[in-house]
């Protein structure tokens, strides 16, 4: 009996930096590099599961876990967000330095390809919710020089740039206003710097404002099909059409609440529900516009996947469902690298 080689996965979203930064355990770099028994990702588990790289998000937690009167999470103050963002960016660099070549922060698509060929984890510096950036955008230019290549203007809360879509089931994403004037300047600056703009967590008005302004492929790094699971975080058919028409992509979010057709937090959600979303997205957008955006270490994952070591189960399920290896490669890594190359210009 022969076993198919592990298909490498370049993944659109993980929150491992937040998990490591908020942990009370010492030496987060060593814990990531040597492995530990918590969370979804570390370097040994990534190698076992074929996780070859991905967008490593920096997310600043809300000051309170309680919703305000408008039903939104509290937005962190700029100074606090900047300090937290810099601390996690430093952690990303320290992991790279301590890994002895096993983990590389990539600034170009060529960097990603070379890292994957060398067996090194190809990490991209990404910010999810840019409360660390002020109205004048000074921090954007500095962080771009430090390696920032992707950002989502909002998490699911308002900030000075846009209105993040709240978490609501059986709801459209058409909640709240669109981009502010500062948000429009941010989008234009990202286009000039060739920083990828992530539309996950945008509400519908913000999505369409960006679609009108941006000259880059539209990307939702970790969002699913609203037609399968009517959660406000998921993409409508018209949004997927726009993503397709610009040559962009959407990455499948592994979070069970965004997959389950009734929005349930089902820890035993079968792989067939993930395939159902992929089928829908492929049918709507085409195979060239669907990828993976696990949200590892940032959401509740089905026990069918468990952690990064479970990625081959999803690949095998795609194969058993009828996807050929060329299509699997596109979903697993090729589409991400193509879109990043087109966005970054290298």
Protein backbone atom coordinates (compact mmCIF):
# COMPACT_ATOMS: atom_id res chain seq x y z
CA UNK A 1 0.00 0.00 0.00
CA UNK A 2 1.41 3.38 -1.02
CA UNK A 3 0.72 6.65 0.76
CA UNK A 4 0.47 9.93 -1.13
CA UNK A 5 3.16 12.44 -0.15
CA UNK A 6 2.03 15.23 2.17
CA UNK A 7 0.74 18.22 0.21
CA UNK A 8 2.32 21.43 1.52
CA UNK A 9 -0.14 24.03 2.80
CA UNK A 10 0.38 27.78 2.77
CA UNK A 11 -2.32 29.05 5.08
CA UNK A 12 -4.04 32.43 5.07
CA UNK A 13 -4.41 33.05 8.79
CA UNK A 14 -3.12 31.97 12.18
CA UNK A 15 -2.99 33.61 15.61
CA UNK A 16 -0.02 31.76 17.06
CA UNK A 17 1.76 35.02 17.96
CA UNK A 18 -1.15 36.06 20.14
CA UNK A 19 -1.24 32.66 21.86
CA UNK A 20 2.47 32.76 22.57
CA UNK A 21 2.48 36.41 23.65
CA UNK A 22 -0.43 36.01 26.09
CA UNK A 23 0.88 32.79 27.61
CA UNK A 24 2.35 32.93 31.12
CA UNK A 25 4.90 30.26 30.21
CA UNK A 26 8.48 31.51 29.65
CA UNK A 27 10.54 31.48 26.46
CA UNK A 28 7.83 31.53 23.77
CA UNK A 29 10.40 31.25 20.97
CA UNK A 30 11.69 27.93 22.28
CA UNK A 31 8.18 26.63 22.88
CA UNK A 32 7.23 27.37 19.29
CA UNK A 33 10.44 25.94 17.83
CA UNK A 34 10.61 22.82 20.02
CA UNK A 35 6.88 22.14 20.30
CA UNK A 36 4.35 22.12 23.09
CA UNK A 37 1.09 20.40 23.98
CA UNK A 38 -1.21 23.42 23.69
CA UNK A 39 -2.74 25.36 20.82
CA UNK A 40 -2.83 24.47 17.15
CA UNK A 41 0.59 25.39 15.76
CA UNK A 42 4.25 25.01 16.58
CA UNK A 43 7.15 24.17 14.30
CA UNK A 44 7.18 20.38 14.86
CA UNK A 45 3.43 20.07 14.34
CA UNK A 46 3.62 22.28 11.25
CA UNK A 47 6.22 19.94 9.73
CA UNK A 48 4.16 16.86 10.58
CA UNK A 49 1.02 18.27 8.99
CA UNK A 50 2.68 19.84 5.96
CA UNK A 51 1.95 23.40 7.10
CA UNK A 52 4.66 25.12 5.07
CA UNK A 53 3.85 28.70 6.01
CA UNK A 54 1.19 31.34 6.23
CA UNK A 55 0.07 34.76 7.33
CA UNK A 56 1.01 35.17 11.00
CA UNK A 57 -1.45 37.67 12.41
CA UNK A 58 -0.81 40.31 15.02
CA UNK A 59 -4.11 40.99 16.76
CA UNK A 60 -4.58 43.29 19.76
CA UNK A 61 -7.26 41.94 22.13
CA UNK A 62 -10.13 44.18 23.15
CA UNK A 63 -9.75 45.73 26.62
CA UNK A 64 -12.97 44.02 27.70
CA UNK A 65 -14.63 40.76 26.63
CA UNK A 66 -18.03 42.37 27.19
CA UNK A 67 -19.99 43.91 24.32
CA UNK A 68 -20.89 47.59 24.52
CA UNK A 69 -24.36 49.08 24.03
CA UNK A 70 -23.96 48.95 20.24
CA UNK A 71 -23.16 45.25 20.38
CA UNK A 72 -19.47 45.75 19.56
CA UNK A 73 -16.25 44.87 21.34
CA UNK A 74 -14.32 47.78 22.83
CA UNK A 75 -11.57 49.16 20.62
CA UNK A 76 -8.11 49.39 22.22
CA UNK A 77 -6.45 52.76 22.57
CA UNK A 78 -3.82 53.60 19.95
CA UNK A 79 -0.91 53.68 22.42
CA UNK A 80 -1.83 50.30 23.88
CA UNK A 81 -2.35 48.81 20.43
CA UNK A 82 0.98 50.12 19.20
CA UNK A 83 2.88 48.70 22.17
CA UNK A 84 1.19 45.31 21.80
CA UNK A 85 1.73 45.21 18.04
CA UNK A 86 5.43 46.00 18.40
CA UNK A 87 5.80 43.34 21.10
CA UNK A 88 4.31 40.65 18.85
CA UNK A 89 6.30 41.85 15.84
CA UNK A 90 9.44 41.52 17.98
CA UNK A 91 8.38 38.01 18.95
CA UNK A 92 8.02 37.13 15.26
CA UNK A 93 11.59 38.32 14.67
CA UNK A 94 12.93 36.50 17.72
CA UNK A 95 11.39 33.25 16.52
CA UNK A 96 13.07 33.75 13.14
CA UNK A 97 16.43 34.46 14.77
CA UNK A 98 16.22 31.50 17.14
CA UNK A 99 15.03 29.01 14.53
CA UNK A 100 18.40 28.67 12.76
CA UNK A 101 16.76 28.94 9.36
CA UNK A 102 13.70 26.83 10.14
CA UNK A 103 11.35 29.83 10.23
CA UNK A 104 11.67 32.77 7.85
CA UNK A 105 9.75 36.04 7.62
CA UNK A 106 9.01 36.43 3.91
CA UNK A 107 8.66 39.74 2.09
CA UNK A 108 8.22 38.47 -1.48
CA UNK A 109 6.55 35.56 -3.22
CA UNK A 110 10.04 34.39 -4.18
CA UNK A 111 10.90 34.27 -0.47
CA UNK A 112 7.88 32.04 0.13
CA UNK A 113 8.78 29.67 -2.69
CA UNK A 114 12.39 29.42 -1.54
CA UNK A 115 11.43 28.85 2.09
CA UNK A 116 9.00 26.10 1.11
CA UNK A 117 11.64 24.48 -1.13
CA UNK A 118 14.12 24.57 1.77
CA UNK A 119 11.66 23.11 4.25
CA UNK A 120 11.53 26.32 6.29
CA UNK A 121 8.26 27.78 7.60
CA UNK A 122 7.38 30.71 5.31
CA UNK A 123 5.85 33.35 7.61
CA UNK A 124 4.23 36.60 6.48
CA UNK A 125 3.96 39.56 8.87
CA UNK A 126 0.23 40.40 8.95
CA UNK A 127 -1.82 42.72 11.18
CA UNK A 128 -5.49 42.03 11.90
CA UNK A 129 -7.17 45.28 12.94
CA UNK A 130 -4.78 48.20 12.61
CA UNK A 131 -5.47 50.14 15.80
CA UNK A 132 -1.68 50.54 16.07
CA UNK A 133 -1.74 52.82 13.02
CA UNK A 134 -2.75 56.45 13.51
CA UNK A 135 -4.62 58.78 11.18
CA UNK A 136 -1.39 60.06 9.65
CA UNK A 137 -0.32 56.48 8.72
CA UNK A 138 3.27 57.01 9.95
CA UNK A 139 3.31 53.60 11.65
CA UNK A 140 2.26 51.88 8.40
CA UNK A 141 5.41 53.07 6.61
CA UNK A 142 7.70 52.10 9.47
CA UNK A 143 6.15 48.64 9.85
CA UNK A 144 6.27 48.07 6.11
CA UNK A 145 10.03 48.62 6.29
CA UNK A 146 10.09 46.07 9.13
CA UNK A 147 8.43 43.48 6.90
CA UNK A 148 4.67 44.10 7.10
CA UNK A 149 3.15 42.79 3.88
CA UNK A 150 -0.52 42.23 4.71
CA UNK A 151 -3.17 43.84 6.90
CA UNK A 152 -6.85 43.75 7.66
CA UNK A 153 -8.08 47.29 8.38
CA UNK A 154 -10.42 46.01 11.09
CA UNK A 155 -11.16 43.13 13.38
CA UNK A 156 -14.84 42.76 14.36
CA UNK A 157 -15.02 46.17 16.05
CA UNK A 158 -14.98 49.79 14.81
CA UNK A 159 -11.78 51.81 14.56
CA UNK A 160 -10.73 55.07 12.93
CA UNK A 161 -10.57 53.41 9.51
CA UNK A 162 -13.73 51.31 9.22
CA UNK A 163 -16.47 49.40 10.97
CA UNK A 164 -15.70 45.76 11.66
CA UNK A 165 -18.59 43.37 11.17
CA UNK A 166 -19.97 42.09 14.52
CA UNK A 167 -20.27 38.34 15.11
CA UNK A 168 -23.91 37.54 14.34
CA UNK A 169 -25.49 34.33 13.07
CA UNK A 170 -28.34 34.37 10.58
CA UNK A 171 -27.32 37.84 9.59
CA UNK A 172 -25.99 39.49 6.48
CA UNK A 173 -22.67 41.34 6.73
CA UNK A 174 -24.50 44.59 5.91
CA UNK A 175 -24.06 46.04 9.40
CA UNK A 176 -22.75 49.55 9.97
CA UNK A 177 -21.07 52.24 7.84
CA UNK A 178 -18.22 51.94 5.35
CA UNK A 179 -14.70 53.34 5.24
CA UNK A 180 -13.90 56.63 6.93
CA UNK A 181 -11.79 59.23 5.15
CA UNK A 182 -8.79 57.86 7.05
CA UNK A 183 -9.74 54.39 5.86
CA UNK A 184 -9.73 55.52 2.26
CA UNK A 185 -6.25 56.98 2.72
CA UNK A 186 -5.13 53.71 4.28
CA UNK A 187 -6.31 51.70 1.28
CA UNK A 188 -4.54 54.00 -1.16
CA UNK A 189 -1.32 53.83 0.88
CA UNK A 190 -1.48 50.02 0.98
CA UNK A 191 -1.82 49.97 -2.80
CA UNK A 192 1.21 52.26 -3.13
CA UNK A 193 3.28 50.12 -0.76
CA UNK A 194 1.91 46.88 -2.25
CA UNK A 195 0.61 45.71 1.12
CA UNK A 196 -2.15 43.13 0.72
CA UNK A 197 -5.54 44.24 2.08
CA UNK A 198 -7.49 41.53 3.89
CA UNK A 199 -11.29 41.85 3.70
CA UNK A 200 -12.10 39.29 6.39
CA UNK A 201 -13.86 41.07 9.29
CA UNK A 202 -14.98 43.91 6.99
CA UNK A 203 -18.68 44.66 6.93
CA UNK A 204 -20.43 44.83 3.57
CA UNK A 205 -20.24 48.60 3.04
CA UNK A 206 -16.53 48.58 3.88
CA UNK A 207 -15.98 45.65 1.51
CA UNK A 208 -17.54 47.52 -1.40
CA UNK A 209 -15.71 50.75 -0.56
CA UNK A 210 -12.42 48.85 -0.79
CA UNK A 211 -13.53 47.13 -3.99
CA UNK A 212 -14.06 50.56 -5.57
CA UNK A 213 -10.78 52.03 -4.33
CA UNK A 214 -8.22 49.24 -4.49
CA UNK A 215 -6.24 48.28 -7.55
CA UNK A 216 -5.14 44.94 -6.04
CA UNK A 217 -6.86 41.54 -6.05
CA UNK A 218 -9.60 41.34 -3.43
CA UNK A 219 -8.72 38.87 -0.68
CA UNK A 220 -10.65 37.50 2.29
CA UNK A 221 -8.02 35.46 4.07
CA UNK A 222 -10.28 33.49 6.43
CA UNK A 223 -13.95 33.68 5.47
CA UNK A 224 -16.51 31.12 4.33
CA UNK A 225 -19.66 30.93 2.21
CA UNK A 226 -22.67 32.84 3.54
CA UNK A 227 -24.84 30.70 1.26
CA UNK A 228 -23.94 27.64 3.37
CA UNK A 229 -23.63 29.27 6.82
CA UNK A 230 -25.45 32.63 7.12
CA UNK A 231 -22.99 34.17 9.55
CA UNK A 232 -22.16 37.86 9.27
CA UNK A 233 -18.44 36.95 8.96
CA UNK A 234 -19.02 34.93 5.81
CA UNK A 235 -19.00 36.07 2.18
CA UNK A 236 -22.14 36.68 0.15
CA UNK A 237 -22.37 35.44 -3.43
CA UNK A 238 -21.90 38.98 -4.78
CA UNK A 239 -18.78 39.45 -2.65
CA UNK A 240 -17.36 36.18 -3.97
CA UNK A 241 -18.13 37.32 -7.52
CA UNK A 242 -16.11 40.50 -6.91
CA UNK A 243 -13.21 38.50 -5.48
CA UNK A 244 -13.23 36.26 -8.54
CA UNK A 245 -13.45 39.16 -10.98
CA UNK A 246 -10.34 40.84 -9.53
CA UNK A 247 -8.28 37.64 -9.53
CA UNK A 248 -8.34 37.40 -5.75
CA UNK A 249 -9.19 34.58 -3.37
CA UNK A 250 -11.01 33.52 -0.23
CA UNK A 251 -9.43 31.21 2.35
CA UNK A 252 -11.58 28.63 4.13
CA UNK A 253 -11.88 29.41 7.85
CA UNK A 254 -11.78 26.23 9.98
CA UNK A 255 -13.83 27.78 12.80
CA UNK A 256 -16.82 25.54 13.45
CA UNK A 257 -19.24 28.44 14.05
CA UNK A 258 -18.49 29.80 10.56
CA UNK A 259 -18.91 26.36 8.96
CA UNK A 260 -21.97 24.83 10.63
CA UNK A 261 -25.14 25.59 8.65
CA UNK A 262 -26.93 26.51 11.89
CA UNK A 263 -23.98 28.39 13.39
CA UNK A 264 -23.42 25.81 16.10
CA UNK A 265 -20.15 25.43 17.97
CA UNK A 266 -19.94 21.73 17.13
CA UNK A 267 -16.56 20.32 18.15
CA UNK A 268 -17.33 17.14 16.21
CA UNK A 269 -18.13 18.92 12.96
CA UNK A 270 -17.29 16.48 10.13
CA UNK A 271 -14.84 17.23 7.36
CA UNK A 272 -17.76 17.01 4.94
CA UNK A 273 -18.95 20.43 6.18
CA UNK A 274 -15.59 21.96 5.27
CA UNK A 275 -15.79 20.30 1.86
CA UNK A 276 -19.31 21.66 1.45
CA UNK A 277 -18.03 25.23 1.79
CA UNK A 278 -15.10 24.56 -0.55
CA UNK A 279 -17.46 23.07 -3.15
CA UNK A 280 -19.72 26.13 -2.93
CA UNK A 281 -16.82 28.55 -3.21
CA UNK A 282 -15.25 26.66 -6.11
CA UNK A 283 -18.57 26.54 -7.95
CA UNK A 284 -19.10 30.27 -7.43
CA UNK A 285 -15.56 31.59 -7.96
CA UNK A 286 -13.62 28.84 -9.73
CA UNK A 287 -10.77 26.67 -8.48
CA UNK A 288 -8.21 29.48 -8.91
CA UNK A 289 -9.85 31.63 -6.23
CA UNK A 290 -10.24 29.26 -3.27
CA UNK A 291 -7.58 28.62 -0.63
CA UNK A 292 -7.21 27.86 3.06
CA UNK A 293 -7.29 30.32 5.97
CA UNK A 294 -7.48 28.07 8.99
CA UNK A 295 -7.57 30.64 11.82
CA UNK A 296 -5.43 28.20 13.83
CA UNK A 297 -4.92 29.40 17.42
CA UNK A 298 -7.68 31.97 16.89
CA UNK A 299 -10.91 29.98 16.80
CA UNK A 300 -12.55 26.69 17.77
CA UNK A 301 -11.50 23.90 15.39
CA UNK A 302 -13.27 20.58 14.88
CA UNK A 303 -11.70 17.53 16.49
CA UNK A 304 -11.65 16.08 12.97
CA UNK A 305 -8.71 18.43 12.29
CA UNK A 306 -7.51 19.03 15.85
CA UNK A 307 -4.41 21.07 15.05
CA UNK A 308 -1.85 21.54 12.27
CA UNK A 309 -1.09 17.83 12.23
CA UNK A 310 -4.64 17.22 10.97
CA UNK A 311 -4.20 19.07 7.67
CA UNK A 312 -3.51 15.84 5.70
CA UNK A 313 -6.98 14.63 6.74
CA UNK A 314 -8.55 17.58 4.92
CA UNK A 315 -6.33 17.04 1.89
CA UNK A 316 -7.26 13.35 1.82
CA UNK A 317 -10.94 14.26 2.13
CA UNK A 318 -10.64 16.62 -0.84
CA UNK A 319 -8.99 13.86 -2.84
CA UNK A 320 -11.64 11.31 -1.88
CA UNK A 321 -14.32 13.83 -2.83
CA UNK A 322 -12.94 14.00 -6.37
CA UNK A 323 -10.47 16.88 -6.43
CA UNK A 324 -7.40 16.03 -8.49
CA UNK A 325 -3.87 16.86 -7.34
CA UNK A 326 -3.61 19.99 -9.48
CA UNK A 327 -6.77 21.38 -7.89
CA UNK A 328 -5.61 20.37 -4.43
CA UNK A 329 -2.29 22.14 -4.98
CA UNK A 330 -4.14 25.30 -5.96
CA UNK A 331 -6.29 25.23 -2.82
CA UNK A 332 -3.39 24.22 -0.58
CA UNK A 333 -0.75 26.73 -1.69
CA UNK A 334 -0.58 27.73 -5.36
CA UNK A 335 -3.47 30.21 -5.27
CA UNK A 336 -2.06 32.05 -2.26
CA UNK A 337 1.39 32.39 -3.79
CA UNK A 338 -0.03 33.58 -7.12
CA UNK A 339 -2.23 36.24 -5.50
CA UNK A 340 0.56 37.46 -3.22
CA UNK A 341 2.93 37.69 -6.19
CA UNK A 342 0.39 39.72 -8.13
CA UNK A 343 -0.26 41.99 -5.15
CA UNK A 344 3.35 42.47 -4.06
CA UNK A 345 4.84 42.57 -7.54
CA UNK A 346 7.52 39.99 -6.76
